[in-house]
Amino acid sequence: MKQSELFTKTRRENPTDEVSRNAQLLIRAGFIHKEMAGVYEFLPLGLRVLRKIEAIIREEMDRIGGREVFLSALQNPEMWEATNRWSDDAVDNWFKTHLKNGTEVGLGFTHEEPITAIMKQHISSYRDLPVYSYQIQTKFRNEERAKSGIMRGREFLMKDLYSFNENEADLDAFYERCAEAYTTIFERVGIGAITFKTFASGGIFSKYSHEFQALSDAGEDTIYLSREKNIAVNEEVYTDEVLSDLGLDRAALEKKTSIEVGNIFKLGTRFSEALGLFYMDQSGRAKPVVMGSYGIGPTRLMGTIVETLCDDRGIVWPKSVAPFRAHLLSLGEDRVALLWYEKLAHLGIDVLFDDREGSAGEKFADSDLIGIPYRIVLSKRSLQHGGAEVKERSKSEATMCSFEEVVNLLKS
């Protein structure tokens, strides 16, 4: 992509109505546009990042047997009344509206009820199990406050996977497979080193649920971290009983602020019994299907990457999710730069080509703000030395490289 053809513009100053670092940088760099508090549009650069995050999530969900669907955002109250989750007294963040014929509907904040109702049409025997179904879909939550940028929105993307098993043992086995897949996802998007499986309240379904918490001062959660065991405990369950159960020494734990980037829950038979999802076992007896729920927010994950990896110059994208592999800057050598751009594109290397008029300082500042992994600068000086000046966004030193060396670097 040529930057002169990219309609978005960078900003020098932070937006005055944003306090979160992720929103400030993403707006300044032209990745997102703020519609209102908690509601953001994704512009070309931002959408490229979001799609790459989604692709990683899809690959790992498919790898453990997930099958993708796409469910409606509009929700029928009847299903939710059956599980006692339609009332605002039970769920306080519903968005509800009325159709022109007077029918009341809701905008889905999660999808346990509708996916369970769908499975009633497809699961009737033990032979139909297990089923692992997921979607990446827009959710709506009427949050009282929305000041964390794209990490807490009123409209946001969610990957929600639902598991359907014969029994608790099968659920437990898949639960652990999904936890491992989540760990892989966080490693692949660049925050694995700061993200920890965290024990949290299991509610009425099980003793524990698990969250995945990324260490960050911008987080809203408090956890107690055991680096020795590579696990953490959420403050809500930080009791002597829990620590004893997990074999943790209170004196050895670190108190940390963190961002929840994923969660997994054992649902048991709450939804299957309420909505009539039963199967016939091998002896011909009807049994409720045992369920689990597993969530990751791609938009929240994108905001977390920005919050945790940025520096004082701007965003620092990991190579796996960056909008482009390289940022090619022309400093008065447009003809040669265009040739390099065309050759790199022909080789299948994603490049953003800054072909705009402007000073070196302005182009360097924009490149740092946008945060693409490699900056390639073509100038009279670099050509005299046989190529381009190449610098990784996360490093301070640049290297002079020939075209062939640049290709090898970007393809490595």
Protein backbone atom coordinates (compact mmCIF):
# COMPACT_ATOMS: atom_id res chain seq x y z
CA MET A 1 0.00 0.00 0.00
CA LYS A 2 1.19 3.49 -0.83
CA GLN A 3 0.83 5.87 2.09
CA SER A 4 -0.20 8.68 -0.23
CA GLU A 5 -3.28 6.60 -1.07
CA LEU A 6 -4.10 5.90 2.57
CA PHE A 7 -6.81 8.41 3.51
CA THR A 8 -6.04 8.31 7.24
CA LYS A 9 -3.75 10.93 8.75
CA THR A 10 -1.56 10.77 11.82
CA ARG A 11 -1.92 13.25 14.67
CA ARG A 12 0.76 14.91 16.76
CA GLU A 13 -1.37 15.38 19.88
CA ASN A 14 -3.37 12.90 21.92
CA PRO A 15 -7.18 13.17 21.66
CA THR A 16 -8.43 15.20 24.61
CA ASP A 17 -11.32 12.83 25.40
CA GLU A 18 -9.16 9.70 25.85
CA VAL A 19 -7.27 8.64 28.97
CA SER A 20 -6.18 5.14 27.92
CA ARG A 21 -2.84 4.76 26.19
CA ASN A 22 -4.18 2.25 23.64
CA ALA A 23 -6.92 4.58 22.42
CA GLN A 24 -4.62 7.59 22.33
CA LEU A 25 -2.02 5.84 20.17
CA LEU A 26 -4.45 3.98 17.92
CA ILE A 27 -6.37 7.19 17.16
CA ARG A 28 -3.22 9.25 16.65
CA ALA A 29 -1.75 6.63 14.30
CA GLY A 30 -4.96 6.35 12.27
CA PHE A 31 -5.92 2.79 13.25
CA ILE A 32 -9.32 3.54 14.79
CA HIS A 33 -11.96 6.29 14.93
CA LYS A 34 -14.00 7.02 18.03
CA GLU A 35 -17.73 7.10 17.40
CA MET A 36 -18.68 7.61 21.06
CA ALA A 37 -17.52 6.39 24.46
CA GLY A 38 -16.94 2.65 24.20
CA VAL A 39 -17.65 2.50 20.45
CA TYR A 40 -14.86 2.57 17.86
CA GLU A 41 -14.59 2.06 14.11
CA PHE A 42 -11.61 0.25 12.64
CA LEU A 43 -9.83 2.07 9.81
CA PRO A 44 -7.68 0.32 7.14
CA LEU A 45 -4.55 -0.09 9.29
CA GLY A 46 -6.53 -1.14 12.35
CA LEU A 47 -8.62 -3.62 10.40
CA ARG A 48 -5.49 -5.30 9.03
CA VAL A 49 -4.22 -5.85 12.59
CA LEU A 50 -7.60 -7.07 13.81
CA ARG A 51 -7.93 -9.58 10.94
CA LYS A 52 -4.47 -11.00 11.71
CA ILE A 53 -5.40 -11.47 15.37
CA GLU A 54 -8.62 -13.17 14.30
CA ALA A 55 -6.69 -15.46 11.93
CA ILE A 56 -4.41 -16.65 14.74
CA ILE A 57 -7.40 -17.32 16.99
CA ARG A 58 -9.20 -19.22 14.21
CA GLU A 59 -6.16 -21.38 13.50
CA GLU A 60 -5.84 -22.43 17.14
CA MET A 61 -9.58 -23.01 17.62
CA ASP A 62 -9.72 -25.11 14.43
CA ARG A 63 -6.68 -27.05 15.64
CA ILE A 64 -8.55 -28.31 18.73
CA GLY A 65 -11.64 -29.24 16.74
CA GLY A 66 -13.64 -26.01 16.79
CA ARG A 67 -16.16 -25.44 13.99
CA GLU A 68 -16.98 -21.85 13.17
CA VAL A 69 -20.51 -20.44 13.03
CA PHE A 70 -21.95 -16.93 13.02
CA LEU A 71 -24.98 -16.25 15.20
CA SER A 72 -27.46 -13.40 15.23
CA ALA A 73 -26.88 -10.37 17.43
CA LEU A 74 -30.66 -9.92 17.87
CA GLN A 75 -31.88 -12.11 20.72
CA ASN A 76 -35.28 -13.66 21.43
CA PRO A 77 -36.28 -13.04 25.09
CA GLU A 78 -37.93 -16.47 25.36
CA MET A 79 -34.62 -18.36 25.53
CA TRP A 80 -33.14 -16.00 28.08
CA GLU A 81 -36.24 -16.09 30.28
CA ALA A 82 -35.82 -19.89 30.47
CA THR A 83 -32.38 -19.40 32.05
CA ASN A 84 -33.42 -16.39 34.18
CA ARG A 85 -31.03 -14.05 32.35
CA TRP A 86 -33.48 -11.74 30.57
CA SER A 87 -34.37 -9.57 33.55
CA ASP A 88 -32.28 -6.45 34.08
CA ASP A 89 -32.11 -7.46 37.74
CA ALA A 90 -30.18 -10.59 36.71
CA VAL A 91 -28.09 -9.05 33.90
CA ASP A 92 -27.53 -5.31 34.21
CA ASN A 93 -25.75 -4.64 30.90
CA TRP A 94 -28.41 -5.61 28.34
CA PHE A 95 -29.07 -3.42 25.33
CA LYS A 96 -32.78 -3.91 24.55
CA THR A 97 -35.06 -2.45 21.92
CA HIS A 98 -38.45 -3.03 20.26
CA LEU A 99 -39.25 -4.03 16.70
CA LYS A 100 -41.91 -2.00 14.88
CA ASN A 101 -44.50 -4.70 15.69
CA GLY A 102 -43.83 -4.17 19.40
CA THR A 103 -41.74 -7.31 19.96
CA GLU A 104 -38.94 -6.75 22.46
CA VAL A 105 -35.48 -8.04 21.49
CA GLY A 106 -32.00 -7.80 22.95
CA LEU A 107 -28.54 -7.35 21.50
CA GLY A 108 -26.44 -10.35 22.49
CA PHE A 109 -23.80 -9.86 25.18
CA THR A 110 -22.93 -13.58 25.01
CA HIS A 111 -24.47 -16.61 23.25
CA GLU A 112 -24.88 -19.60 25.58
CA GLU A 113 -28.66 -19.60 25.18
CA PRO A 114 -28.91 -19.37 21.38
CA ILE A 115 -26.13 -21.89 20.68
CA THR A 116 -27.77 -24.35 23.12
CA ALA A 117 -31.11 -23.92 21.36
CA ILE A 118 -29.45 -24.55 17.99
CA MET A 119 -27.82 -27.75 19.27
CA LYS A 120 -31.25 -29.15 20.20
CA GLN A 121 -31.77 -29.59 16.46
CA HIS A 122 -28.50 -31.45 15.98
CA ILE A 123 -27.70 -33.40 19.17
CA SER A 124 -29.93 -36.28 20.22
CA SER A 125 -27.53 -39.19 20.77
CA TYR A 126 -24.12 -39.87 22.31
CA ARG A 127 -23.03 -40.47 18.72
CA ASP A 128 -23.57 -36.73 18.03
CA LEU A 129 -21.06 -35.72 20.71
CA PRO A 130 -18.70 -34.01 21.24
CA VAL A 131 -19.38 -30.71 19.49
CA TYR A 132 -17.10 -27.68 19.71
CA SER A 133 -18.59 -24.61 18.07
CA TYR A 134 -17.21 -21.07 18.02
CA GLN A 135 -17.78 -17.71 16.42
CA ILE A 136 -16.09 -14.32 16.13
CA GLN A 137 -18.94 -11.89 16.37
CA THR A 138 -19.93 -8.43 17.62
CA LYS A 139 -21.18 -8.28 21.20
CA PHE A 140 -23.03 -5.46 22.93
CA ARG A 141 -22.74 -4.61 26.62
CA ASN A 142 -24.27 -1.56 28.23
CA GLU A 143 -21.23 -0.78 30.37
CA GLU A 144 -21.66 1.95 32.96
CA ARG A 145 -18.19 3.25 32.19
CA ALA A 146 -16.08 2.86 29.06
CA LYS A 147 -12.77 4.63 29.50
CA SER A 148 -10.25 1.90 28.64
CA GLY A 149 -10.29 2.40 24.87
CA ILE A 150 -10.83 -0.76 22.88
CA MET A 151 -10.06 -2.89 25.95
CA ARG A 152 -13.57 -2.29 27.33
CA GLY A 153 -16.21 -1.37 24.79
CA ARG A 154 -19.97 -1.21 24.56
CA GLU A 155 -19.68 -2.75 21.11
CA PHE A 156 -16.78 -5.13 20.54
CA LEU A 157 -15.64 -8.36 18.90
CA MET A 158 -15.66 -11.60 20.87
CA LYS A 159 -14.51 -15.08 20.05
CA ASP A 160 -16.81 -17.33 22.03
CA LEU A 161 -16.47 -21.11 21.83
CA TYR A 162 -18.97 -23.52 23.38
CA SER A 163 -18.23 -27.16 24.10
CA PHE A 164 -20.83 -29.94 24.29
CA ASN A 165 -19.76 -33.23 25.91
CA GLU A 166 -21.27 -36.42 27.30
CA ASN A 167 -19.79 -36.12 30.77
CA GLU A 168 -17.57 -34.15 33.13
CA ALA A 169 -14.44 -36.15 32.30
CA ASP A 170 -14.74 -35.31 28.59
CA LEU A 171 -15.40 -31.67 29.46
CA ASP A 172 -12.32 -31.59 31.70
CA ALA A 173 -10.13 -32.97 28.91
CA PHE A 174 -11.31 -30.43 26.37
CA TYR A 175 -11.09 -27.63 28.95
CA GLU A 176 -7.37 -28.30 29.34
CA ARG A 177 -6.86 -28.49 25.56
CA CYS A 178 -8.53 -25.10 25.20
CA ALA A 179 -6.37 -23.63 27.98
CA GLU A 180 -3.27 -24.81 26.11
CA ALA A 181 -4.61 -23.31 22.88
CA TYR A 182 -5.13 -19.98 24.65
CA THR A 183 -1.54 -20.02 25.87
CA THR A 184 -0.41 -20.59 22.28
CA ILE A 185 -2.57 -17.71 21.03
CA PHE A 186 -1.07 -15.26 23.51
CA GLU A 187 2.44 -16.40 22.62
CA ARG A 188 1.73 -15.98 18.91
CA VAL A 189 0.36 -12.44 19.26
CA GLY A 190 3.40 -11.36 21.26
CA ILE A 191 2.24 -11.16 24.90
CA GLY A 192 2.92 -14.72 26.05
CA ALA A 193 5.74 -13.72 28.38
CA ILE A 194 3.46 -11.44 30.42
CA THR A 195 0.24 -13.49 30.32
CA PHE A 196 -0.60 -15.99 33.06
CA LYS A 197 -3.32 -18.57 33.63
CA THR A 198 -5.21 -17.25 36.64
CA PHE A 199 -7.52 -19.06 39.04
CA ALA A 200 -10.85 -17.27 39.51
CA SER A 201 -14.25 -18.04 40.94
CA GLY A 202 -16.07 -20.91 39.25
CA GLY A 203 -19.46 -19.69 40.44
CA ILE A 204 -22.09 -22.41 40.72
CA PHE A 205 -20.60 -24.53 37.94
CA SER A 206 -17.22 -25.61 39.31
CA LYS A 207 -14.72 -24.81 42.02
CA TYR A 208 -12.64 -22.63 39.71
CA SER A 209 -12.84 -20.92 36.38
CA HIS A 210 -9.71 -19.61 34.73
CA GLU A 211 -8.77 -16.24 33.33
CA PHE A 212 -5.72 -15.29 31.32
CA GLN A 213 -4.26 -12.10 32.71
CA ALA A 214 -1.64 -9.89 31.03
CA LEU A 215 0.49 -7.81 33.40
CA SER A 216 -0.11 -4.09 32.86
CA ASP A 217 -0.52 -0.99 34.99
CA ALA A 218 -3.48 -0.14 32.72
CA GLY A 219 -5.40 -3.21 33.92
CA GLU A 220 -8.53 -3.28 36.06
CA ASP A 221 -7.78 -6.56 37.86
CA THR A 222 -5.47 -7.47 40.73
CA ILE A 223 -3.77 -10.85 40.75
CA TYR A 224 -1.24 -12.64 42.95
CA LEU A 225 1.43 -14.22 40.78
CA SER A 226 3.61 -17.26 41.35
CA ARG A 227 6.45 -17.05 38.85
CA GLU A 228 7.76 -20.40 40.06
CA LYS A 229 4.53 -22.20 39.06
CA ASN A 230 3.64 -19.80 36.23
CA ILE A 231 0.11 -19.32 37.56
CA ALA A 232 -1.79 -16.60 39.39
CA VAL A 233 -4.78 -16.17 41.66
CA ASN A 234 -7.40 -13.46 41.15
CA GLU A 235 -7.94 -11.19 44.14
CA GLU A 236 -11.59 -12.33 44.32
CA VAL A 237 -10.49 -15.84 45.40
CA TYR A 238 -7.29 -14.91 47.24
CA THR A 239 -7.92 -16.86 50.44
CA ASP A 240 -5.85 -19.18 52.62
CA GLU A 241 -8.06 -22.08 51.52
CA VAL A 242 -7.41 -21.45 47.83
CA LEU A 243 -3.67 -20.94 48.34
CA SER A 244 -3.49 -24.20 50.28
CA ASP A 245 -5.50 -25.98 47.61
CA LEU A 246 -3.05 -24.80 44.93
CA GLY A 247 0.06 -25.34 47.02
CA LEU A 248 1.03 -21.66 46.95
CA ASP A 249 3.05 -19.76 49.55
CA ARG A 250 1.50 -16.36 50.24
CA ALA A 251 4.93 -14.85 50.98
CA ALA A 252 6.26 -15.87 47.56
CA LEU A 253 3.43 -14.29 45.54
CA GLU A 254 3.69 -10.95 43.73
CA LYS A 255 0.74 -8.56 43.74
CA LYS A 256 0.22 -7.29 40.19
CA THR A 257 -2.23 -5.22 38.16
CA SER A 258 -3.40 -6.96 35.01
CA ILE A 259 -5.72 -7.02 32.00
CA GLU A 260 -8.01 -10.01 31.49
CA VAL A 261 -7.47 -11.15 27.89
CA GLY A 262 -9.35 -14.46 27.98
CA ASN A 263 -11.49 -16.71 30.17
CA ILE A 264 -12.73 -20.29 30.26
CA PHE A 265 -15.70 -21.62 32.25
CA LYS A 266 -17.22 -25.01 32.96
CA LEU A 267 -20.97 -24.51 32.55
CA GLY A 268 -22.05 -28.00 33.57
CA THR A 269 -25.69 -28.69 32.71
CA ARG A 270 -27.21 -25.35 33.68
CA PHE A 271 -28.10 -24.28 30.13
CA SER A 272 -28.76 -27.73 28.71
CA GLU A 273 -31.27 -28.58 31.45
CA ALA A 274 -33.00 -25.19 31.29
CA LEU A 275 -33.37 -25.31 27.50
CA GLY A 276 -33.94 -29.04 27.09
CA LEU A 277 -30.70 -30.15 25.42
CA PHE A 278 -30.56 -33.89 26.20
CA TYR A 279 -28.96 -36.87 24.51
CA MET A 280 -29.57 -40.62 24.71
CA ASP A 281 -26.61 -42.50 26.16
CA GLN A 282 -25.54 -46.02 25.17
CA SER A 283 -28.06 -47.57 27.58
CA GLY A 284 -30.93 -45.52 26.13
CA ARG A 285 -31.21 -43.08 29.05
CA ALA A 286 -31.75 -39.36 28.48
CA LYS A 287 -28.98 -37.19 29.94
CA PRO A 288 -28.29 -33.45 29.83
CA VAL A 289 -25.34 -32.38 27.69
CA VAL A 290 -22.36 -31.07 29.70
CA MET A 291 -21.17 -27.68 28.49
CA GLY A 292 -18.25 -25.22 28.67
CA SER A 293 -17.70 -21.64 27.51
CA TYR A 294 -14.43 -20.08 26.31
CA GLY A 295 -13.94 -16.40 25.43
CA ILE A 296 -11.29 -14.15 23.92
CA GLY A 297 -11.92 -10.58 22.76
CA PRO A 298 -9.88 -9.82 19.60
CA THR A 299 -10.45 -6.08 20.03
CA ARG A 300 -9.45 -6.20 23.71
CA LEU A 301 -6.42 -8.28 22.75
CA MET A 302 -5.40 -5.65 20.18
CA GLY A 303 -5.68 -2.91 22.80
CA THR A 304 -3.68 -4.98 25.27
CA ILE A 305 -0.86 -5.46 22.76
CA VAL A 306 -0.65 -1.68 22.33
CA GLU A 307 -0.79 -1.01 26.09
CA THR A 308 1.88 -3.53 27.03
CA LEU A 309 4.37 -3.18 24.16
CA CYS A 310 4.28 0.53 23.25
CA ASP A 311 7.10 2.96 24.04
CA ASP A 312 7.40 6.73 24.29
CA ARG A 313 7.52 7.05 20.48
CA GLY A 314 4.40 5.05 19.67
CA ILE A 315 3.08 1.58 18.95
CA VAL A 316 5.37 -1.46 18.69
CA TRP A 317 3.56 -4.23 16.80
CA PRO A 318 4.76 -7.85 17.02
CA LYS A 319 5.58 -9.21 13.56
CA SER A 320 2.68 -11.69 13.74
CA VAL A 321 -0.07 -9.05 13.87
CA ALA A 322 1.53 -5.90 12.39
CA PRO A 323 -0.48 -4.27 9.58
CA PHE A 324 2.57 -4.57 7.30
CA ARG A 325 5.90 -6.37 7.52
CA ALA A 326 7.92 -3.30 6.55
CA HIS A 327 7.61 0.47 6.25
CA LEU A 328 9.51 1.76 3.22
CA LEU A 329 10.47 5.45 3.40
CA SER A 330 11.71 7.49 0.46
CA LEU A 331 13.90 10.48 1.31
CA GLY A 332 14.25 12.15 -2.08
CA GLU A 333 14.81 8.86 -3.94
CA ASP A 334 11.27 8.21 -5.17
CA ARG A 335 12.22 6.43 -8.41
CA VAL A 336 14.44 3.83 -6.70
CA ALA A 337 12.04 3.49 -3.77
CA LEU A 338 9.14 2.80 -6.13
CA LEU A 339 11.19 0.08 -7.82
CA TRP A 340 12.00 -1.51 -4.44
CA TYR A 341 8.33 -1.30 -3.43
CA GLU A 342 7.15 -3.02 -6.60
CA LYS A 343 9.77 -5.77 -6.31
CA LEU A 344 8.94 -6.44 -2.66
CA ALA A 345 5.23 -6.55 -3.44
CA HIS A 346 5.91 -8.97 -6.32
CA LEU A 347 7.72 -11.24 -3.82
CA GLY A 348 4.63 -11.26 -1.59
CA ILE A 349 6.07 -9.06 1.15
CA ASP A 350 3.57 -6.68 2.76
CA VAL A 351 5.00 -3.15 2.58
CA LEU A 352 3.61 0.26 3.44
CA PHE A 353 5.40 2.70 1.13
CA ASP A 354 5.69 6.25 2.46
CA ASP A 355 5.83 8.05 -0.87
CA ARG A 356 4.50 11.33 0.55
CA GLU A 357 6.29 14.65 0.46
CA GLY A 358 7.69 15.62 3.82
CA SER A 359 10.80 15.92 5.92
CA ALA A 360 12.82 12.99 7.20
CA GLY A 361 11.86 13.91 10.76
CA GLU A 362 8.15 13.84 9.97
CA LYS A 363 8.42 10.48 8.21
CA PHE A 364 10.49 8.94 11.00
CA ALA A 365 8.03 10.18 13.64
CA ASP A 366 5.08 8.73 11.73
CA SER A 367 6.87 5.44 11.24
CA ASP A 368 7.62 5.15 14.96
CA LEU A 369 4.02 6.05 15.83
CA ILE A 370 2.50 3.48 13.44
CA GLY A 371 4.88 0.82 14.77
CA ILE A 372 5.53 -1.48 11.78
CA PRO A 373 8.31 -4.00 12.65
CA TYR A 374 10.92 -2.93 10.05
CA ARG A 375 11.71 0.54 8.72
CA ILE A 376 13.55 0.66 5.39
CA VAL A 377 14.95 4.07 4.41
CA LEU A 378 16.17 4.88 0.91
CA SER A 379 18.17 8.08 0.65
CA LYS A 380 21.10 9.42 -1.36
CA ARG A 381 23.41 8.43 1.48
CA SER A 382 22.04 4.87 1.75
CA LEU A 383 22.29 4.29 -2.00
CA GLN A 384 25.90 5.45 -1.94
CA HIS A 385 26.51 2.69 0.61
CA GLY A 386 24.87 0.05 -1.57
CA GLY A 387 21.27 -0.15 -0.44
CA ALA A 388 18.90 0.91 2.32
CA GLU A 389 19.13 1.74 6.00
CA VAL A 390 17.12 -0.89 7.90
CA LYS A 391 16.02 -0.68 11.52
CA GLU A 392 13.75 -2.82 13.64
CA ARG A 393 11.08 -0.82 15.46
CA SER A 394 12.02 -2.35 18.81
CA LYS A 395 15.74 -1.61 18.42
CA SER A 396 17.80 1.57 18.32
CA GLU A 397 20.51 0.70 15.80
CA ALA A 398 20.13 0.60 12.00
CA THR A 399 21.97 -1.58 9.49
CA MET A 400 22.89 -0.91 5.86
CA CYS A 401 21.47 -3.67 3.64
CA SER A 402 21.36 -4.50 -0.05
CA PHE A 403 18.02 -5.33 -1.66
CA GLU A 404 18.77 -9.07 -1.44
CA GLU A 405 19.62 -8.76 2.25
CA VAL A 406 16.39 -6.87 2.88
CA VAL A 407 14.38 -9.62 1.17
CA ASN A 408 16.10 -12.33 3.22
CA LEU A 409 15.48 -10.39 6.42
CA LEU A 410 11.79 -9.79 5.73
CA LYS A 411 11.20 -13.39 4.68
CA SER A 412 13.03 -14.90 7.65
